[in-house]
PDB file of N, CA and C in Angstrom:
ATOM      1  N   UNK A   1      -8.430 -31.974   8.473  1.00  0.00           N
ATOM      2  CA  UNK A   1      -7.025 -32.126   8.188  1.00  0.00           C
ATOM      3  C   UNK A   1      -6.841 -32.276   6.678  1.00  0.00           C
ATOM      4  N   UNK A   2      -5.883 -31.574   6.146  1.00  0.00           N
ATOM      5  CA  UNK A   2      -5.602 -31.672   4.723  1.00  0.00           C
ATOM      6  C   UNK A   2      -4.928 -33.001   4.422  1.00  0.00           C
ATOM      7  N   UNK A   3      -5.327 -33.613   3.327  1.00  0.00           N
ATOM      8  CA  UNK A   3      -4.679 -34.863   2.938  1.00  0.00           C
ATOM      9  C   UNK A   3      -4.249 -34.791   1.490  1.00  0.00           C
ATOM     10  N   UNK A   4      -3.163 -35.454   1.214  1.00  0.00           N
ATOM     11  CA  UNK A   4      -2.684 -35.591  -0.159  1.00  0.00           C
ATOM     12  C   UNK A   4      -2.599 -37.091  -0.381  1.00  0.00           C
ATOM     13  N   UNK A   5      -3.570 -37.624  -1.103  1.00  0.00           N
ATOM     14  CA  UNK A   5      -3.662 -39.072  -1.211  1.00  0.00           C
ATOM     15  C   UNK A   5      -4.120 -39.612   0.130  1.00  0.00           C
ATOM     16  N   UNK A   6      -3.349 -40.494   0.699  1.00  0.00           N
ATOM     17  CA  UNK A   6      -3.692 -41.026   2.018  1.00  0.00           C
ATOM     18  C   UNK A   6      -2.809 -40.441   3.108  1.00  0.00           C
ATOM     19  N   UNK A   7      -1.885 -39.561   2.745  1.00  0.00           N
ATOM     20  CA  UNK A   7      -0.956 -38.997   3.713  1.00  0.00           C
ATOM     21  C   UNK A   7      -1.468 -37.651   4.221  1.00  0.00           C
ATOM     22  N   UNK A   8      -1.506 -37.463   5.532  1.00  0.00           N
ATOM     23  CA  UNK A   8      -1.935 -36.201   6.133  1.00  0.00           C
ATOM     24  C   UNK A   8      -0.838 -35.149   5.939  1.00  0.00           C
ATOM     25  N   UNK A   9      -1.212 -33.988   5.447  1.00  0.00           N
ATOM     26  CA  UNK A   9      -0.255 -32.928   5.151  1.00  0.00           C
ATOM     27  C   UNK A   9       0.064 -32.087   6.388  1.00  0.00           C
ATOM     28  N   UNK A  10      -0.939 -31.803   7.217  1.00  0.00           N
ATOM     29  CA  UNK A  10      -0.747 -30.887   8.340  1.00  0.00           C
ATOM     30  C   UNK A  10       0.345 -31.348   9.311  1.00  0.00           C
ATOM     31  N   UNK A  11       0.326 -32.583   9.811  1.00  0.00           N
ATOM     32  CA  UNK A  11       1.401 -32.984  10.729  1.00  0.00           C
ATOM     33  C   UNK A  11       2.790 -32.888  10.106  1.00  0.00           C
ATOM     34  N   UNK A  12       2.882 -33.202   8.826  1.00  0.00           N
ATOM     35  CA  UNK A  12       4.163 -33.119   8.132  1.00  0.00           C
ATOM     36  C   UNK A  12       4.625 -31.671   8.025  1.00  0.00           C
ATOM     37  N   UNK A  13       3.716 -30.771   7.673  1.00  0.00           N
ATOM     38  CA  UNK A  13       4.055 -29.344   7.547  1.00  0.00           C
ATOM     39  C   UNK A  13       4.445 -28.760   8.900  1.00  0.00           C
ATOM     40  N   UNK A  14       3.736 -29.165   9.937  1.00  0.00           N
ATOM     41  CA  UNK A  14       4.045 -28.668  11.284  1.00  0.00           C
ATOM     42  C   UNK A  14       5.451 -29.092  11.687  1.00  0.00           C
ATOM     43  N   UNK A  15       5.761 -30.343  11.485  1.00  0.00           N
ATOM     44  CA  UNK A  15       7.081 -30.863  11.860  1.00  0.00           C
ATOM     45  C   UNK A  15       8.183 -30.228  11.010  1.00  0.00           C
ATOM     46  N   UNK A  16       7.958 -30.138   9.711  1.00  0.00           N
ATOM     47  CA  UNK A  16       8.951 -29.582   8.782  1.00  0.00           C
ATOM     48  C   UNK A  16       9.290 -28.135   9.124  1.00  0.00           C
ATOM     49  N   UNK A  17       8.283 -27.357   9.512  1.00  0.00           N
ATOM     50  CA  UNK A  17       8.483 -25.936   9.809  1.00  0.00           C
ATOM     51  C   UNK A  17       8.748 -25.653  11.281  1.00  0.00           C
ATOM     52  N   UNK A  18       8.909 -26.724  12.067  1.00  0.00           N
ATOM     53  CA  UNK A  18       9.212 -26.607  13.495  1.00  0.00           C
ATOM     54  C   UNK A  18       8.179 -25.744  14.225  1.00  0.00           C
ATOM     55  N   UNK A  19       6.917 -25.971  13.897  1.00  0.00           N
ATOM     56  CA  UNK A  19       5.817 -25.238  14.511  1.00  0.00           C
ATOM     57  C   UNK A  19       5.328 -26.007  15.730  1.00  0.00           C
ATOM     58  N   UNK A  20       5.074 -25.281  16.799  1.00  0.00           N
ATOM     59  CA  UNK A  20       4.496 -25.895  17.988  1.00  0.00           C
ATOM     60  C   UNK A  20       2.983 -25.746  17.878  1.00  0.00           C
ATOM     61  N   UNK A  21       2.282 -26.853  17.777  1.00  0.00           N
ATOM     62  CA  UNK A  21       0.827 -26.848  17.641  1.00  0.00           C
ATOM     63  C   UNK A  21       0.219 -26.855  19.038  1.00  0.00           C
ATOM     64  N   UNK A  22      -0.397 -25.755  19.418  1.00  0.00           N
ATOM     65  CA  UNK A  22      -0.997 -25.629  20.743  1.00  0.00           C
ATOM     66  C   UNK A  22      -2.504 -25.753  20.595  1.00  0.00           C
ATOM     67  N   UNK A  23      -3.058 -26.765  21.219  1.00  0.00           N
ATOM     68  CA  UNK A  23      -4.507 -26.966  21.178  1.00  0.00           C
ATOM     69  C   UNK A  23      -5.167 -26.132  22.262  1.00  0.00           C
ATOM     70  N   UNK A  24      -6.343 -25.625  21.984  1.00  0.00           N
ATOM     71  CA  UNK A  24      -7.049 -24.849  23.001  1.00  0.00           C
ATOM     72  C   UNK A  24      -7.636 -25.787  24.047  1.00  0.00           C
ATOM     73  N   UNK A  25      -7.656 -25.348  25.296  1.00  0.00           N
ATOM     74  CA  UNK A  25      -8.198 -26.189  26.353  1.00  0.00           C
ATOM     75  C   UNK A  25      -9.701 -26.426  26.187  1.00  0.00           C
ATOM     76  N   UNK A  26     -10.157 -27.533  26.694  1.00  0.00           N
ATOM     77  CA  UNK A  26     -11.582 -27.865  26.666  1.00  0.00           C
ATOM     78  C   UNK A  26     -12.337 -26.898  27.579  1.00  0.00           C
ATOM     79  N   UNK A  27     -13.523 -26.489  27.142  1.00  0.00           N
ATOM     80  CA  UNK A  27     -14.406 -25.600  27.904  1.00  0.00           C
ATOM     81  C   UNK A  27     -13.756 -24.259  28.231  1.00  0.00           C
ATOM     82  N   UNK A  28     -12.990 -23.708  27.279  1.00  0.00           N
ATOM     83  CA  UNK A  28     -12.376 -22.381  27.426  1.00  0.00           C
ATOM     84  C   UNK A  28     -12.738 -21.537  26.209  1.00  0.00           C
ATOM     85  N   UNK A  29     -13.989 -21.061  26.126  1.00  0.00           N
ATOM     86  CA  UNK A  29     -14.436 -20.355  24.921  1.00  0.00           C
ATOM     87  C   UNK A  29     -13.677 -19.072  24.627  1.00  0.00           C
ATOM     88  N   UNK A  30     -13.086 -18.442  25.653  1.00  0.00           N
ATOM     89  CA  UNK A  30     -12.355 -17.208  25.388  1.00  0.00           C
ATOM     90  C   UNK A  30     -11.129 -17.455  24.506  1.00  0.00           C
ATOM     91  N   UNK A  31     -10.554 -18.650  24.576  1.00  0.00           N
ATOM     92  CA  UNK A  31      -9.412 -18.977  23.724  1.00  0.00           C
ATOM     93  C   UNK A  31      -9.882 -19.129  22.279  1.00  0.00           C
ATOM     94  N   UNK A  32     -10.932 -19.896  22.072  1.00  0.00           N
ATOM     95  CA  UNK A  32     -11.469 -20.061  20.724  1.00  0.00           C
ATOM     96  C   UNK A  32     -12.054 -18.758  20.189  1.00  0.00           C
ATOM     97  N   UNK A  33     -12.476 -17.874  21.078  1.00  0.00           N
ATOM     98  CA  UNK A  33     -13.052 -16.597  20.661  1.00  0.00           C
ATOM     99  C   UNK A  33     -12.104 -15.765  19.830  1.00  0.00           C
ATOM    100  N   UNK A  34     -10.808 -15.861  20.099  1.00  0.00           N
ATOM    101  CA  UNK A  34      -9.824 -15.074  19.348  1.00  0.00           C
ATOM    102  C   UNK A  34      -9.799 -15.500  17.888  1.00  0.00           C
ATOM    103  N   UNK A  35      -9.765 -16.796  17.647  1.00  0.00           N
ATOM    104  CA  UNK A  35      -9.732 -17.260  16.254  1.00  0.00           C
ATOM    105  C   UNK A  35     -11.090 -17.073  15.597  1.00  0.00           C
ATOM    106  N   UNK A  36     -12.153 -17.207  16.372  1.00  0.00           N
ATOM    107  CA  UNK A  36     -13.492 -16.973  15.819  1.00  0.00           C
ATOM    108  C   UNK A  36     -13.639 -15.519  15.385  1.00  0.00           C
ATOM    109  N   UNK A  37     -13.090 -14.578  16.145  1.00  0.00           N
ATOM    110  CA  UNK A  37     -13.127 -13.158  15.778  1.00  0.00           C
ATOM    111  C   UNK A  37     -12.343 -12.936  14.488  1.00  0.00           C
ATOM    112  N   UNK A  38     -11.189 -13.595  14.380  1.00  0.00           N
ATOM    113  CA  UNK A  38     -10.394 -13.460  13.162  1.00  0.00           C
ATOM    114  C   UNK A  38     -11.174 -14.000  11.962  1.00  0.00           C
ATOM    115  N   UNK A  39     -11.775 -15.191  12.131  1.00  0.00           N
ATOM    116  CA  UNK A  39     -12.560 -15.786  11.046  1.00  0.00           C
ATOM    117  C   UNK A  39     -13.698 -14.863  10.625  1.00  0.00           C
ATOM    118  N   UNK A  40     -14.368 -14.250  11.593  1.00  0.00           N
ATOM    119  CA  UNK A  40     -15.466 -13.331  11.301  1.00  0.00           C
ATOM    120  C   UNK A  40     -14.959 -12.113  10.521  1.00  0.00           C
ATOM    121  N   UNK A  41     -13.847 -11.551  10.954  1.00  0.00           N
ATOM    122  CA  UNK A  41     -13.263 -10.396  10.263  1.00  0.00           C
ATOM    123  C   UNK A  41     -12.884 -10.755   8.833  1.00  0.00           C
ATOM    124  N   UNK A  42     -12.300 -11.927   8.658  1.00  0.00           N
ATOM    125  CA  UNK A  42     -11.911 -12.377   7.317  1.00  0.00           C
ATOM    126  C   UNK A  42     -13.141 -12.545   6.428  1.00  0.00           C
ATOM    127  N   UNK A  43     -14.161 -13.215   6.926  1.00  0.00           N
ATOM    128  CA  UNK A  43     -15.377 -13.439   6.125  1.00  0.00           C
ATOM    129  C   UNK A  43     -16.038 -12.125   5.729  1.00  0.00           C
ATOM    130  N   UNK A  44     -16.066 -11.161   6.629  1.00  0.00           N
ATOM    131  CA  UNK A  44     -16.714  -9.866   6.348  1.00  0.00           C
ATOM    132  C   UNK A  44     -15.920  -9.007   5.376  1.00  0.00           C
ATOM    133  N   UNK A  45     -14.606  -9.184   5.312  1.00  0.00           N
ATOM    134  CA  UNK A  45     -13.762  -8.268   4.543  1.00  0.00           C
ATOM    135  C   UNK A  45     -13.037  -8.867   3.351  1.00  0.00           C
ATOM    136  N   UNK A  46     -13.058 -10.177   3.193  1.00  0.00           N
ATOM    137  CA  UNK A  46     -12.222 -10.782   2.149  1.00  0.00           C
ATOM    138  C   UNK A  46     -12.610 -10.361   0.741  1.00  0.00           C
ATOM    139  N   UNK A  47     -13.862 -10.010   0.523  1.00  0.00           N
ATOM    140  CA  UNK A  47     -14.283  -9.602  -0.821  1.00  0.00           C
ATOM    141  C   UNK A  47     -13.686  -8.253  -1.226  1.00  0.00           C
ATOM    142  N   UNK A  48     -13.158  -7.515  -0.275  1.00  0.00           N
ATOM    143  CA  UNK A  48     -12.557  -6.202  -0.566  1.00  0.00           C
ATOM    144  C   UNK A  48     -11.138  -6.307  -1.116  1.00  0.00           C
ATOM    145  N   UNK A  49     -10.560  -7.522  -1.092  1.00  0.00           N
ATOM    146  CA  UNK A  49      -9.154  -7.681  -1.451  1.00  0.00           C
ATOM    147  C   UNK A  49      -8.970  -8.672  -2.592  1.00  0.00           C
ATOM    148  N   UNK A  50      -7.951  -8.412  -3.408  1.00  0.00           N
ATOM    149  CA  UNK A  50      -7.652  -9.279  -4.552  1.00  0.00           C
ATOM    150  C   UNK A  50      -6.991 -10.589  -4.141  1.00  0.00           C
ATOM    151  N   UNK A  51      -6.352 -10.593  -2.974  1.00  0.00           N
ATOM    152  CA  UNK A  51      -5.645 -11.802  -2.547  1.00  0.00           C
ATOM    153  C   UNK A  51      -5.625 -11.894  -1.026  1.00  0.00           C
ATOM    154  N   UNK A  52      -5.319 -13.078  -0.536  1.00  0.00           N
ATOM    155  CA  UNK A  52      -5.194 -13.291   0.900  1.00  0.00           C
ATOM    156  C   UNK A  52      -4.048 -12.459   1.466  1.00  0.00           C
ATOM    157  N   UNK A  53      -2.947 -12.357   0.717  1.00  0.00           N
ATOM    158  CA  UNK A  53      -1.803 -11.562   1.179  1.00  0.00           C
ATOM    159  C   UNK A  53      -2.182 -10.097   1.378  1.00  0.00           C
ATOM    160  N   UNK A  54      -2.995  -9.557   0.482  1.00  0.00           N
ATOM    161  CA  UNK A  54      -3.423  -8.157   0.627  1.00  0.00           C
ATOM    162  C   UNK A  54      -4.339  -7.989   1.833  1.00  0.00           C
ATOM    163  N   UNK A  55      -5.192  -8.972   2.070  1.00  0.00           N
ATOM    164  CA  UNK A  55      -6.028  -8.934   3.268  1.00  0.00           C
ATOM    165  C   UNK A  55      -5.153  -8.942   4.515  1.00  0.00           C
ATOM    166  N   UNK A  56      -4.157  -9.845   4.565  1.00  0.00           N
ATOM    167  CA  UNK A  56      -3.289  -9.949   5.737  1.00  0.00           C
ATOM    168  C   UNK A  56      -2.477  -8.672   5.951  1.00  0.00           C
ATOM    169  N   UNK A  57      -2.045  -8.044   4.868  1.00  0.00           N
ATOM    170  CA  UNK A  57      -1.325  -6.778   4.998  1.00  0.00           C
ATOM    171  C   UNK A  57      -2.232  -5.730   5.643  1.00  0.00           C
ATOM    172  N   UNK A  58      -3.469  -5.635   5.167  1.00  0.00           N
ATOM    173  CA  UNK A  58      -4.434  -4.693   5.752  1.00  0.00           C
ATOM    174  C   UNK A  58      -4.695  -5.033   7.215  1.00  0.00           C
ATOM    175  N   UNK A  59      -4.906  -6.311   7.502  1.00  0.00           N
ATOM    176  CA  UNK A  59      -5.236  -6.752   8.855  1.00  0.00           C
ATOM    177  C   UNK A  59      -4.110  -6.434   9.840  1.00  0.00           C
ATOM    178  N   UNK A  60      -2.872  -6.601   9.406  1.00  0.00           N
ATOM    179  CA  UNK A  60      -1.735  -6.432  10.314  1.00  0.00           C
ATOM    180  C   UNK A  60      -1.124  -5.043  10.331  1.00  0.00           C
ATOM    181  N   UNK A  61      -1.292  -4.262   9.251  1.00  0.00           N
ATOM    182  CA  UNK A  61      -0.599  -2.975   9.197  1.00  0.00           C
ATOM    183  C   UNK A  61      -1.505  -1.758   9.075  1.00  0.00           C
ATOM    184  N   UNK A  62      -2.773  -1.959   8.739  1.00  0.00           N
ATOM    185  CA  UNK A  62      -3.678  -0.819   8.554  1.00  0.00           C
ATOM    186  C   UNK A  62      -4.789  -0.797   9.593  1.00  0.00           C
ATOM    187  N   UNK A  63      -5.424  -1.924   9.804  1.00  0.00           N
ATOM    188  CA  UNK A  63      -6.590  -2.018  10.688  1.00  0.00           C
ATOM    189  C   UNK A  63      -6.178  -1.949  12.158  1.00  0.00           C
ATOM    190  N   UNK A  64      -6.740  -0.976  12.877  1.00  0.00           N
ATOM    191  CA  UNK A  64      -6.483  -0.873  14.312  1.00  0.00           C
ATOM    192  C   UNK A  64      -7.256  -1.953  15.047  1.00  0.00           C
ATOM    193  N   UNK A  65      -6.636  -2.552  16.047  1.00  0.00           N
ATOM    194  CA  UNK A  65      -7.256  -3.612  16.820  1.00  0.00           C
ATOM    195  C   UNK A  65      -7.579  -3.086  18.218  1.00  0.00           C
ATOM    196  N   UNK A  66      -8.839  -3.146  18.583  1.00  0.00           N
ATOM    197  CA  UNK A  66      -9.240  -2.649  19.893  1.00  0.00           C
ATOM    198  C   UNK A  66      -8.559  -3.416  21.021  1.00  0.00           C
ATOM    199  N   UNK A  67      -8.254  -4.671  20.800  1.00  0.00           N
ATOM    200  CA  UNK A  67      -7.592  -5.460  21.845  1.00  0.00           C
ATOM    201  C   UNK A  67      -6.166  -4.987  22.089  1.00  0.00           C
ATOM    202  N   UNK A  68      -5.605  -4.216  21.175  1.00  0.00           N
ATOM    203  CA  UNK A  68      -4.249  -3.694  21.333  1.00  0.00           C
ATOM    204  C   UNK A  68      -4.256  -2.239  21.800  1.00  0.00           C
ATOM    205  N   UNK A  69      -5.381  -1.803  22.314  1.00  0.00           N
ATOM    206  CA  UNK A  69      -5.498  -0.434  22.811  1.00  0.00           C
ATOM    207  C   UNK A  69      -4.521  -0.215  23.958  1.00  0.00           C
ATOM    208  N   UNK A  70      -3.745   0.816  23.839  1.00  0.00           N
ATOM    209  CA  UNK A  70      -2.858   1.190  24.933  1.00  0.00           C
ATOM    210  C   UNK A  70      -3.490   2.378  25.643  1.00  0.00           C
ATOM    211  N   UNK A  71      -2.779   2.948  26.536  1.00  0.00           N
ATOM    212  CA  UNK A  71      -3.307   4.072  27.301  1.00  0.00           C
ATOM    213  C   UNK A  71      -3.644   5.269  26.398  1.00  0.00           C
ATOM    214  N   UNK A  72      -2.902   5.420  25.300  1.00  0.00           N
ATOM    215  CA  UNK A  72      -3.024   6.630  24.508  1.00  0.00           C
ATOM    216  C   UNK A  72      -3.647   6.454  23.134  1.00  0.00           C
ATOM    217  N   UNK A  73      -3.495   5.321  22.520  1.00  0.00           N
ATOM    218  CA  UNK A  73      -3.997   5.171  21.152  1.00  0.00           C
ATOM    219  C   UNK A  73      -4.164   3.700  20.787  1.00  0.00           C
ATOM    220  N   UNK A  74      -4.943   3.466  19.751  1.00  0.00           N
ATOM    221  CA  UNK A  74      -5.106   2.117  19.212  1.00  0.00           C
ATOM    222  C   UNK A  74      -3.867   1.765  18.393  1.00  0.00           C
ATOM    223  N   UNK A  75      -3.621   0.468  18.259  1.00  0.00           N
ATOM    224  CA  UNK A  75      -2.454   0.016  17.512  1.00  0.00           C
ATOM    225  C   UNK A  75      -2.849  -1.040  16.494  1.00  0.00           C
ATOM    226  N   UNK A  76      -2.022  -1.157  15.475  1.00  0.00           N
ATOM    227  CA  UNK A  76      -2.113  -2.291  14.566  1.00  0.00           C
ATOM    228  C   UNK A  76      -1.199  -3.374  15.141  1.00  0.00           C
ATOM    229  N   UNK A  77      -1.376  -4.635  14.745  1.00  0.00           N
ATOM    230  CA  UNK A  77      -0.451  -5.666  15.224  1.00  0.00           C
ATOM    231  C   UNK A  77       1.013  -5.360  14.862  1.00  0.00           C
ATOM    232  N   UNK A  78       1.223  -4.770  13.699  1.00  0.00           N
ATOM    233  CA  UNK A  78       2.572  -4.425  13.267  1.00  0.00           C
ATOM    234  C   UNK A  78       3.206  -3.413  14.225  1.00  0.00           C
ATOM    235  N   UNK A  79       2.477  -2.360  14.564  1.00  0.00           N
ATOM    236  CA  UNK A  79       2.989  -1.342  15.489  1.00  0.00           C
ATOM    237  C   UNK A  79       3.236  -1.960  16.861  1.00  0.00           C
ATOM    238  N   UNK A  80       2.295  -2.767  17.332  1.00  0.00           N
ATOM    239  CA  UNK A  80       2.432  -3.388  18.651  1.00  0.00           C
ATOM    240  C   UNK A  80       3.657  -4.313  18.691  1.00  0.00           C
ATOM    241  N   UNK A  81       3.886  -5.078  17.630  1.00  0.00           N
ATOM    242  CA  UNK A  81       5.034  -5.979  17.578  1.00  0.00           C
ATOM    243  C   UNK A  81       6.335  -5.202  17.697  1.00  0.00           C
ATOM    244  N   UNK A  82       6.502  -4.170  16.865  1.00  0.00           N
ATOM    245  CA  UNK A  82       7.757  -3.420  16.869  1.00  0.00           C
ATOM    246  C   UNK A  82       7.933  -2.617  18.146  1.00  0.00           C
ATOM    247  N   UNK A  83       6.839  -2.138  18.735  1.00  0.00           N
ATOM    248  CA  UNK A  83       6.939  -1.366  19.971  1.00  0.00           C
ATOM    249  C   UNK A  83       7.380  -2.239  21.148  1.00  0.00           C
ATOM    250  N   UNK A  84       6.991  -3.504  21.137  1.00  0.00           N
ATOM    251  CA  UNK A  84       7.308  -4.400  22.257  1.00  0.00           C
ATOM    252  C   UNK A  84       8.596  -5.194  22.058  1.00  0.00           C
ATOM    253  N   UNK A  85       9.152  -5.156  20.877  1.00  0.00           N
ATOM    254  CA  UNK A  85      10.370  -5.900  20.588  1.00  0.00           C
ATOM    255  C   UNK A  85      11.565  -5.188  21.224  1.00  0.00           C
ATOM    256  N   UNK A  86      12.388  -5.895  22.002  1.00  0.00           N
ATOM    257  CA  UNK A  86      13.564  -5.246  22.616  1.00  0.00           C
ATOM    258  C   UNK A  86      14.488  -4.654  21.563  1.00  0.00           C
ATOM    259  N   UNK A  87      15.113  -3.544  21.912  1.00  0.00           N
ATOM    260  CA  UNK A  87      15.974  -2.825  20.971  1.00  0.00           C
ATOM    261  C   UNK A  87      17.065  -3.714  20.390  1.00  0.00           C
ATOM    262  N   UNK A  88      17.643  -4.587  21.197  1.00  0.00           N
ATOM    263  CA  UNK A  88      18.701  -5.475  20.715  1.00  0.00           C
ATOM    264  C   UNK A  88      18.227  -6.380  19.597  1.00  0.00           C
ATOM    265  N   UNK A  89      16.987  -6.815  19.664  1.00  0.00           N
ATOM    266  CA  UNK A  89      16.420  -7.665  18.606  1.00  0.00           C
ATOM    267  C   UNK A  89      16.269  -6.872  17.313  1.00  0.00           C
ATOM    268  N   UNK A  90      15.833  -5.623  17.446  1.00  0.00           N
ATOM    269  CA  UNK A  90      15.660  -4.779  16.254  1.00  0.00           C
ATOM    270  C   UNK A  90      17.003  -4.577  15.552  1.00  0.00           C
ATOM    271  N   UNK A  91      18.046  -4.307  16.326  1.00  0.00           N
ATOM    272  CA  UNK A  91      19.371  -4.102  15.761  1.00  0.00           C
ATOM    273  C   UNK A  91      19.864  -5.377  15.095  1.00  0.00           C
ATOM    274  N   UNK A  92      19.683  -6.514  15.761  1.00  0.00           N
ATOM    275  CA  UNK A  92      20.105  -7.786  15.183  1.00  0.00           C
ATOM    276  C   UNK A  92      19.394  -8.092  13.877  1.00  0.00           C
ATOM    277  N   UNK A  93      18.088  -7.831  13.834  1.00  0.00           N
ATOM    278  CA  UNK A  93      17.323  -8.066  12.610  1.00  0.00           C
ATOM    279  C   UNK A  93      17.818  -7.155  11.492  1.00  0.00           C
ATOM    280  N   UNK A  94      18.100  -5.892  11.826  1.00  0.00           N
ATOM    281  CA  UNK A  94      18.600  -4.937  10.841  1.00  0.00           C
ATOM    282  C   UNK A  94      19.944  -5.390  10.289  1.00  0.00           C
ATOM    283  N   UNK A  95      20.851  -5.790  11.182  1.00  0.00           N
ATOM    284  CA  UNK A  95      22.180  -6.213  10.739  1.00  0.00           C
ATOM    285  C   UNK A  95      22.113  -7.468   9.876  1.00  0.00           C
ATOM    286  N   UNK A  96      21.267  -8.418  10.248  1.00  0.00           N
ATOM    287  CA  UNK A  96      21.099  -9.633   9.425  1.00  0.00           C
ATOM    288  C   UNK A  96      20.570  -9.284   8.046  1.00  0.00           C
ATOM    289  N   UNK A  97      19.624  -8.364   7.988  1.00  0.00           N
ATOM    290  CA  UNK A  97      19.048  -7.960   6.698  1.00  0.00           C
ATOM    291  C   UNK A  97      20.106  -7.285   5.827  1.00  0.00           C
ATOM    292  N   UNK A  98      20.890  -6.394   6.432  1.00  0.00           N
ATOM    293  CA  UNK A  98      21.930  -5.688   5.675  1.00  0.00           C
ATOM    294  C   UNK A  98      22.971  -6.673   5.151  1.00  0.00           C
ATOM    295  N   UNK A  99      23.365  -7.631   5.986  1.00  0.00           N
ATOM    296  CA  UNK A  99      24.346  -8.629   5.551  1.00  0.00           C
ATOM    297  C   UNK A  99      23.807  -9.450   4.387  1.00  0.00           C
ATOM    298  N   UNK A 100      22.535  -9.848   4.478  1.00  0.00           N
ATOM    299  CA  UNK A 100      21.906 -10.629   3.402  1.00  0.00           C
ATOM    300  C   UNK A 100      21.861  -9.820   2.110  1.00  0.00           C
ATOM    301  N   UNK A 101      21.464  -8.557   2.218  1.00  0.00           N
ATOM    302  CA  UNK A 101      21.363  -7.721   1.018  1.00  0.00           C
ATOM    303  C   UNK A 101      22.736  -7.458   0.405  1.00  0.00           C
ATOM    304  N   UNK A 102      23.737  -7.289   1.229  1.00  0.00           N
ATOM    305  CA  UNK A 102      25.100  -7.044   0.717  1.00  0.00           C
ATOM    306  C   UNK A 102      25.678  -8.279   0.032  1.00  0.00           C
ATOM    307  N   UNK A 103      25.296  -9.462   0.508  1.00  0.00           N
ATOM    308  CA  UNK A 103      25.826 -10.705  -0.059  1.00  0.00           C
ATOM    309  C   UNK A 103      25.067 -11.174  -1.292  1.00  0.00           C
ATOM    310  N   UNK A 104      23.929 -10.581  -1.581  1.00  0.00           N
ATOM    311  CA  UNK A 104      23.145 -10.984  -2.776  1.00  0.00           C
ATOM    312  C   UNK A 104      23.620 -10.320  -4.023  1.00  0.00           C
TER     313      UNK A 104
END
């Protein structure tokens, strides 16, 4: 746990950002396997990137994930997210973005 002085930072950040912290169940290695795979991918590839943000961009928008294989082709997390998002959500996100840009 990250600490700043004697105060724990993680619980404060979780609460401030309204994040739901879900702990993995005991004796369920397949749940921990997902994060372990991510950690392994990061360790193997981080030297190829100038920053963490560039790594995350590659991981989410360029690198195909075998776990996201559909019947016809592999997907990136970005493609899978937009493909599964209901059309109404896409329109709402677009309209919110346009309103924000027009008001700036």
